[in-house]
Amino acid sequence: MLQEIREIWFDCCLRYSSDSGVAEKLWDEIRRRYTSSQRHYHNLVHINHLLQLEAQYKQHLADRDVVLLSIFYHDIVYSVVRKDNEARSAAIAEKRLARLNLPSEKIQSISEFIKATQTHIIPEGAPHAGDLAWFLDFDMAILAEPWSRYERYAQQVRKEYRIYPDMLYNPGRKKFLQNTIASGHVYHTDWFREHHEAAALANMERELEWYK
């Protein structure tokens, strides 16, 4: 898995910069951050899942590189004691991708894509809204997995928040589930709504039973 992720990273980077040394240094940072012992769900397995989804639905994307690089950087910063992980991840992406000579408009789109993962709402008038919709749906695809995988995901997230006792964690997790269910739609694209919405809602309702 690690080698496959690395190859995707380098293929993308070398389309913009011939300096493989820079790509290597940035890859080392990505690998190090996503393999931190504090991460149980938001790790390279999660990144690999999103990369697989990107490859599966690539025909729907207008700018694959924006989506790919957003995947690599969207959780580069992940701390359960902070509420600005997305903004900090976006800032790092902007700095690092400038070193690859990525066009400024692509960097700006990637930054906005990453920031959007905080609310999973597509801002009105957002550029590349179609690609952003697919990217956000990839990030939430785990919610529609078969129950055994969903259950493992929920347990992995709980492990990441292990510094918090149940009396603090459970209400927050419950609120996230209830708000997602009440939002109208879990997913943005017609495809995910048609094929995965019902499963995602059923899984979240089932998890909610844990907190009664």
C-alpha atoms as a PDB file:
ATOM      1  CA  MET A   1       0.000   0.000   0.000  1.00  0.00           C
ATOM      2  CA  LEU A   2       2.703   2.478   0.996  1.00  0.00           C
ATOM      3  CA  GLN A   3       4.552   2.076  -2.286  1.00  0.00           C
ATOM      4  CA  GLU A   4       1.377   2.536  -4.311  1.00  0.00           C
ATOM      5  CA  ILE A   5       0.527   5.744  -2.444  1.00  0.00           C
ATOM      6  CA  ARG A   6       4.077   6.996  -2.938  1.00  0.00           C
ATOM      7  CA  GLU A   7       3.914   6.328  -6.682  1.00  0.00           C
ATOM      8  CA  ILE A   8       0.674   8.286  -7.010  1.00  0.00           C
ATOM      9  CA  TRP A   9       2.269  11.155  -5.100  1.00  0.00           C
ATOM     10  CA  PHE A  10       5.368  11.243  -7.296  1.00  0.00           C
ATOM     11  CA  ASP A  11       3.432  10.883 -10.544  1.00  0.00           C
ATOM     12  CA  CYS A  12       1.402  13.935  -9.585  1.00  0.00           C
ATOM     13  CA  CYS A  13       4.319  16.012  -8.291  1.00  0.00           C
ATOM     14  CA  LEU A  14       6.544  15.405 -11.283  1.00  0.00           C
ATOM     15  CA  ARG A  15       3.917  16.807 -13.605  1.00  0.00           C
ATOM     16  CA  TYR A  16       4.789  20.211 -12.144  1.00  0.00           C
ATOM     17  CA  SER A  17       8.366  19.974 -10.935  1.00  0.00           C
ATOM     18  CA  SER A  18      11.362  18.002 -12.178  1.00  0.00           C
ATOM     19  CA  ASP A  19      12.973  18.268  -8.743  1.00  0.00           C
ATOM     20  CA  SER A  20      12.414  14.799  -7.322  1.00  0.00           C
ATOM     21  CA  GLY A  21      14.306  15.840  -4.196  1.00  0.00           C
ATOM     22  CA  VAL A  22      11.570  18.284  -3.228  1.00  0.00           C
ATOM     23  CA  ALA A  23       8.899  15.680  -3.939  1.00  0.00           C
ATOM     24  CA  GLU A  24      10.818  13.210  -1.753  1.00  0.00           C
ATOM     25  CA  LYS A  25      11.073  15.641   1.158  1.00  0.00           C
ATOM     26  CA  LEU A  26       7.367  16.447   0.968  1.00  0.00           C
ATOM     27  CA  TRP A  27       6.525  12.755   0.767  1.00  0.00           C
ATOM     28  CA  ASP A  28       8.615  12.065   3.872  1.00  0.00           C
ATOM     29  CA  GLU A  29       6.585  14.653   5.762  1.00  0.00           C
ATOM     30  CA  ILE A  30       3.287  13.208   4.547  1.00  0.00           C
ATOM     31  CA  ARG A  31       4.323   9.662   5.451  1.00  0.00           C
ATOM     32  CA  ARG A  32       5.577  10.725   8.885  1.00  0.00           C
ATOM     33  CA  ARG A  33       2.480  12.687   9.805  1.00  0.00           C
ATOM     34  CA  TYR A  34      -0.013  10.073   8.620  1.00  0.00           C
ATOM     35  CA  THR A  35       1.804   7.250  10.396  1.00  0.00           C
ATOM     36  CA  SER A  36       1.851   8.976  13.777  1.00  0.00           C
ATOM     37  CA  SER A  37       1.007   6.645  16.645  1.00  0.00           C
ATOM     38  CA  GLN A  38      -1.836   9.007  17.569  1.00  0.00           C
ATOM     39  CA  ARG A  39      -3.701   8.214  14.349  1.00  0.00           C
ATOM     40  CA  HIS A  40      -5.960   5.184  14.161  1.00  0.00           C
ATOM     41  CA  TYR A  41      -8.376   6.222  11.411  1.00  0.00           C
ATOM     42  CA  HIS A  42      -6.961   9.431   9.889  1.00  0.00           C
ATOM     43  CA  ASN A  43      -3.884   7.642   8.586  1.00  0.00           C
ATOM     44  CA  LEU A  44      -2.489   6.292   5.318  1.00  0.00           C
ATOM     45  CA  VAL A  45      -5.222   3.653   5.144  1.00  0.00           C
ATOM     46  CA  HIS A  46      -7.725   6.508   4.972  1.00  0.00           C
ATOM     47  CA  ILE A  47      -5.627   8.272   2.325  1.00  0.00           C
ATOM     48  CA  ASN A  48      -5.400   5.061   0.308  1.00  0.00           C
ATOM     49  CA  HIS A  49      -9.175   4.610   0.460  1.00  0.00           C
ATOM     50  CA  LEU A  50      -9.732   8.102  -0.927  1.00  0.00           C
ATOM     51  CA  LEU A  51      -7.128   7.563  -3.648  1.00  0.00           C
ATOM     52  CA  GLN A  52      -8.920   4.384  -4.694  1.00  0.00           C
ATOM     53  CA  LEU A  53     -12.199   6.267  -4.883  1.00  0.00           C
ATOM     54  CA  GLU A  54     -10.565   9.022  -6.921  1.00  0.00           C
ATOM     55  CA  ALA A  55      -9.307   6.431  -9.394  1.00  0.00           C
ATOM     56  CA  GLN A  56     -12.724   4.775  -9.524  1.00  0.00           C
ATOM     57  CA  TYR A  57     -14.595   8.005 -10.295  1.00  0.00           C
ATOM     58  CA  LYS A  58     -11.883   9.924 -12.152  1.00  0.00           C
ATOM     59  CA  GLN A  59     -14.031  10.258 -15.261  1.00  0.00           C
ATOM     60  CA  HIS A  60     -16.288  12.656 -13.343  1.00  0.00           C
ATOM     61  CA  LEU A  61     -13.455  15.001 -12.332  1.00  0.00           C
ATOM     62  CA  ALA A  62     -12.441  18.134 -14.192  1.00  0.00           C
ATOM     63  CA  ASP A  63      -9.071  18.506 -12.432  1.00  0.00           C
ATOM     64  CA  ARG A  64      -7.804  15.248 -10.992  1.00  0.00           C
ATOM     65  CA  ASP A  65      -4.611  16.795  -9.615  1.00  0.00           C
ATOM     66  CA  VAL A  66      -6.517  19.244  -7.434  1.00  0.00           C
ATOM     67  CA  VAL A  67      -8.499  16.361  -5.969  1.00  0.00           C
ATOM     68  CA  LEU A  68      -5.425  14.149  -5.565  1.00  0.00           C
ATOM     69  CA  LEU A  69      -3.376  16.788  -3.778  1.00  0.00           C
ATOM     70  CA  SER A  70      -6.350  17.734  -1.607  1.00  0.00           C
ATOM     71  CA  ILE A  71      -6.536  14.090  -0.543  1.00  0.00           C
ATOM     72  CA  PHE A  72      -2.870  14.027   0.421  1.00  0.00           C
ATOM     73  CA  TYR A  73      -3.032  17.207   2.480  1.00  0.00           C
ATOM     74  CA  HIS A  74      -6.556  17.355   3.903  1.00  0.00           C
ATOM     75  CA  ASP A  75      -5.580  15.677   7.206  1.00  0.00           C
ATOM     76  CA  ILE A  76      -1.884  16.566   7.267  1.00  0.00           C
ATOM     77  CA  VAL A  77      -2.647  18.292  10.578  1.00  0.00           C
ATOM     78  CA  TYR A  78      -4.835  16.266  12.899  1.00  0.00           C
ATOM     79  CA  SER A  79      -5.094  17.015  16.600  1.00  0.00           C
ATOM     80  CA  VAL A  80      -8.150  16.110  18.666  1.00  0.00           C
ATOM     81  CA  VAL A  81      -7.507  19.023  21.042  1.00  0.00           C
ATOM     82  CA  ARG A  82      -7.754  21.679  18.326  1.00  0.00           C
ATOM     83  CA  LYS A  83     -10.583  22.999  16.172  1.00  0.00           C
ATOM     84  CA  ASP A  84      -8.500  24.509  13.384  1.00  0.00           C
ATOM     85  CA  ASN A  85      -7.009  21.370  11.846  1.00  0.00           C
ATOM     86  CA  GLU A  86      -8.486  22.097   8.426  1.00  0.00           C
ATOM     87  CA  ALA A  87      -7.205  25.678   8.282  1.00  0.00           C
ATOM     88  CA  ARG A  88      -3.774  24.578   9.432  1.00  0.00           C
ATOM     89  CA  SER A  89      -3.724  21.724   6.920  1.00  0.00           C
ATOM     90  CA  ALA A  90      -4.683  24.147   4.144  1.00  0.00           C
ATOM     91  CA  ALA A  91      -1.905  26.539   5.148  1.00  0.00           C
ATOM     92  CA  ILE A  92       0.677  23.762   5.025  1.00  0.00           C
ATOM     93  CA  ALA A  93      -0.610  22.627   1.646  1.00  0.00           C
ATOM     94  CA  GLU A  94      -0.247  26.151   0.262  1.00  0.00           C
ATOM     95  CA  LYS A  95       3.368  26.404   1.416  1.00  0.00           C
ATOM     96  CA  ARG A  96       4.433  22.931   0.340  1.00  0.00           C
ATOM     97  CA  LEU A  97       2.766  22.910  -3.056  1.00  0.00           C
ATOM     98  CA  ALA A  98       4.299  26.248  -3.970  1.00  0.00           C
ATOM     99  CA  ARG A  99       7.638  24.429  -3.792  1.00  0.00           C
ATOM    100  CA  LEU A 100       6.422  22.146  -6.581  1.00  0.00           C
ATOM    101  CA  ASN A 101       5.691  25.113  -8.864  1.00  0.00           C
ATOM    102  CA  LEU A 102       2.011  24.291  -8.822  1.00  0.00           C
ATOM    103  CA  PRO A 103      -0.048  27.078 -10.452  1.00  0.00           C
ATOM    104  CA  SER A 104      -1.430  29.483  -7.879  1.00  0.00           C
ATOM    105  CA  GLU A 105      -5.037  28.874  -8.934  1.00  0.00           C
ATOM    106  CA  LYS A 106      -4.660  25.152  -8.282  1.00  0.00           C
ATOM    107  CA  ILE A 107      -3.085  25.814  -4.890  1.00  0.00           C
ATOM    108  CA  GLN A 108      -5.975  28.106  -3.990  1.00  0.00           C
ATOM    109  CA  SER A 109      -8.519  25.466  -5.030  1.00  0.00           C
ATOM    110  CA  ILE A 110      -6.744  22.813  -2.973  1.00  0.00           C
ATOM    111  CA  SER A 111      -6.711  25.121   0.026  1.00  0.00           C
ATOM    112  CA  GLU A 112     -10.451  25.740  -0.310  1.00  0.00           C
ATOM    113  CA  PHE A 113     -11.149  22.017  -0.758  1.00  0.00           C
ATOM    114  CA  ILE A 114      -9.284  21.220   2.463  1.00  0.00           C
ATOM    115  CA  LYS A 115     -11.027  23.971   4.427  1.00  0.00           C
ATOM    116  CA  ALA A 116     -14.393  22.642   3.227  1.00  0.00           C
ATOM    117  CA  THR A 117     -13.797  19.362   5.067  1.00  0.00           C
ATOM    118  CA  GLN A 118     -14.477  21.180   8.333  1.00  0.00           C
ATOM    119  CA  THR A 119     -18.185  21.573   7.565  1.00  0.00           C
ATOM    120  CA  HIS A 120     -18.593  19.405   4.460  1.00  0.00           C
ATOM    121  CA  ILE A 121     -20.601  22.247   2.958  1.00  0.00           C
ATOM    122  CA  ILE A 122     -19.885  23.534  -0.532  1.00  0.00           C
ATOM    123  CA  PRO A 123     -19.610  27.334  -0.309  1.00  0.00           C
ATOM    124  CA  GLU A 124     -21.897  29.257  -2.615  1.00  0.00           C
ATOM    125  CA  GLY A 125     -20.099  30.184  -5.798  1.00  0.00           C
ATOM    126  CA  ALA A 126     -17.172  27.890  -5.024  1.00  0.00           C
ATOM    127  CA  PRO A 127     -14.910  27.326  -8.055  1.00  0.00           C
ATOM    128  CA  HIS A 128     -14.683  23.719  -9.187  1.00  0.00           C
ATOM    129  CA  ALA A 129     -17.784  22.911  -7.141  1.00  0.00           C
ATOM    130  CA  GLY A 130     -18.278  19.672  -9.043  1.00  0.00           C
ATOM    131  CA  ASP A 131     -14.849  18.344  -8.113  1.00  0.00           C
ATOM    132  CA  LEU A 132     -15.306  19.575  -4.552  1.00  0.00           C
ATOM    133  CA  ALA A 133     -18.561  17.609  -4.303  1.00  0.00           C
ATOM    134  CA  TRP A 134     -16.793  14.392  -5.318  1.00  0.00           C
ATOM    135  CA  PHE A 135     -13.880  15.077  -2.973  1.00  0.00           C
ATOM    136  CA  LEU A 136     -16.175  15.633   0.013  1.00  0.00           C
ATOM    137  CA  ASP A 137     -18.145  12.505  -0.845  1.00  0.00           C
ATOM    138  CA  PHE A 138     -14.937  10.485  -0.992  1.00  0.00           C
ATOM    139  CA  ASP A 139     -14.070  11.742   2.490  1.00  0.00           C
ATOM    140  CA  MET A 140     -17.473  10.645   3.829  1.00  0.00           C
ATOM    141  CA  ALA A 141     -17.639   7.377   1.898  1.00  0.00           C
ATOM    142  CA  ILE A 142     -16.674   5.432   5.011  1.00  0.00           C
ATOM    143  CA  LEU A 143     -20.135   6.136   6.432  1.00  0.00           C
ATOM    144  CA  ALA A 144     -21.723   3.855   3.837  1.00  0.00           C
ATOM    145  CA  GLU A 145     -19.365   0.908   4.237  1.00  0.00           C
ATOM    146  CA  PRO A 146     -20.716  -2.472   5.421  1.00  0.00           C
ATOM    147  CA  TRP A 147     -21.449  -2.388   9.139  1.00  0.00           C
ATOM    148  CA  SER A 148     -18.343  -4.340  10.193  1.00  0.00           C
ATOM    149  CA  ARG A 149     -16.101  -1.760   8.504  1.00  0.00           C
ATOM    150  CA  TYR A 150     -18.185   1.163   9.738  1.00  0.00           C
ATOM    151  CA  GLU A 151     -18.044  -0.182  13.282  1.00  0.00           C
ATOM    152  CA  ARG A 152     -14.254  -0.461  13.076  1.00  0.00           C
ATOM    153  CA  TYR A 153     -14.091   3.123  11.782  1.00  0.00           C
ATOM    154  CA  ALA A 154     -16.190   4.391  14.699  1.00  0.00           C
ATOM    155  CA  GLN A 155     -13.976   2.517  17.152  1.00  0.00           C
ATOM    156  CA  GLN A 156     -10.826   3.902  15.512  1.00  0.00           C
ATOM    157  CA  VAL A 157     -12.122   7.464  15.796  1.00  0.00           C
ATOM    158  CA  ARG A 158     -12.973   6.830  19.443  1.00  0.00           C
ATOM    159  CA  LYS A 159      -9.415   5.620  19.998  1.00  0.00           C
ATOM    160  CA  GLU A 160      -8.076   8.860  18.526  1.00  0.00           C
ATOM    161  CA  TYR A 161     -10.155  10.721  21.107  1.00  0.00           C
ATOM    162  CA  ARG A 162      -9.138   8.428  23.968  1.00  0.00           C
ATOM    163  CA  ILE A 163      -7.925  11.360  26.078  1.00  0.00           C
ATOM    164  CA  TYR A 164     -11.588  12.285  26.540  1.00  0.00           C
ATOM    165  CA  PRO A 165     -13.844  10.263  28.853  1.00  0.00           C
ATOM    166  CA  ASP A 166     -17.157   8.944  27.555  1.00  0.00           C
ATOM    167  CA  MET A 167     -19.036  11.703  29.348  1.00  0.00           C
ATOM    168  CA  LEU A 168     -17.318  14.234  27.071  1.00  0.00           C
ATOM    169  CA  TYR A 169     -16.836  12.213  23.896  1.00  0.00           C
ATOM    170  CA  ASN A 170     -20.253  10.608  23.570  1.00  0.00           C
ATOM    171  CA  PRO A 171     -22.315  13.847  23.449  1.00  0.00           C
ATOM    172  CA  GLY A 172     -19.975  15.292  20.809  1.00  0.00           C
ATOM    173  CA  ARG A 173     -20.075  12.200  18.647  1.00  0.00           C
ATOM    174  CA  LYS A 174     -23.832  11.991  19.061  1.00  0.00           C
ATOM    175  CA  LYS A 175     -24.207  15.604  17.963  1.00  0.00           C
ATOM    176  CA  PHE A 176     -22.068  14.970  14.858  1.00  0.00           C
ATOM    177  CA  LEU A 177     -24.220  12.004  13.869  1.00  0.00           C
ATOM    178  CA  GLN A 178     -27.499  13.797  14.521  1.00  0.00           C
ATOM    179  CA  ASN A 179     -26.407  16.907  12.607  1.00  0.00           C
ATOM    180  CA  THR A 180     -25.216  14.836   9.649  1.00  0.00           C
ATOM    181  CA  ILE A 181     -28.474  12.908   9.534  1.00  0.00           C
ATOM    182  CA  ALA A 182     -30.525  16.106   9.834  1.00  0.00           C
ATOM    183  CA  SER A 183     -28.536  17.976   7.180  1.00  0.00           C
ATOM    184  CA  GLY A 184     -30.794  16.747   4.396  1.00  0.00           C
ATOM    185  CA  HIS A 185     -28.147  14.810   2.514  1.00  0.00           C
ATOM    186  CA  VAL A 186     -24.969  13.076   3.622  1.00  0.00           C
ATOM    187  CA  TYR A 187     -23.549  13.290   0.113  1.00  0.00           C
ATOM    188  CA  HIS A 188     -23.357  15.984  -2.543  1.00  0.00           C
ATOM    189  CA  THR A 189     -23.194  14.046  -5.805  1.00  0.00           C
ATOM    190  CA  ASP A 190     -26.228  12.361  -7.305  1.00  0.00           C
ATOM    191  CA  TRP A 191     -24.269   9.118  -7.633  1.00  0.00           C
ATOM    192  CA  PHE A 192     -23.368   8.866  -3.949  1.00  0.00           C
ATOM    193  CA  ARG A 193     -26.851   9.919  -2.900  1.00  0.00           C
ATOM    194  CA  GLU A 194     -28.442   7.251  -5.065  1.00  0.00           C
ATOM    195  CA  HIS A 195     -26.062   4.425  -4.234  1.00  0.00           C
ATOM    196  CA  HIS A 196     -24.745   5.151  -0.724  1.00  0.00           C
ATOM    197  CA  GLU A 197     -27.032   7.578   1.137  1.00  0.00           C
ATOM    198  CA  ALA A 198     -29.366   4.932   2.576  1.00  0.00           C
ATOM    199  CA  ALA A 199     -26.495   2.792   3.874  1.00  0.00           C
ATOM    200  CA  ALA A 200     -24.782   5.786   5.476  1.00  0.00           C
ATOM    201  CA  LEU A 201     -27.958   6.864   7.252  1.00  0.00           C
ATOM    202  CA  ALA A 202     -28.621   3.327   8.490  1.00  0.00           C
ATOM    203  CA  ASN A 203     -25.080   3.025   9.865  1.00  0.00           C
ATOM    204  CA  MET A 204     -25.262   6.343  11.688  1.00  0.00           C
ATOM    205  CA  GLU A 205     -28.657   5.510  13.172  1.00  0.00           C
ATOM    206  CA  ARG A 206     -27.225   2.217  14.372  1.00  0.00           C
ATOM    207  CA  GLU A 207     -24.247   3.938  15.980  1.00  0.00           C
ATOM    208  CA  LEU A 208     -26.559   6.390  17.703  1.00  0.00           C
ATOM    209  CA  GLU A 209     -27.987   3.446  19.621  1.00  0.00           C
ATOM    210  CA  TRP A 210     -24.637   3.214  21.420  1.00  0.00           C
ATOM    211  CA  TYR A 211     -25.178   6.571  23.099  1.00  0.00           C
ATOM    212  CA  LYS A 212     -28.652   6.070  24.556  1.00  0.00           C
END
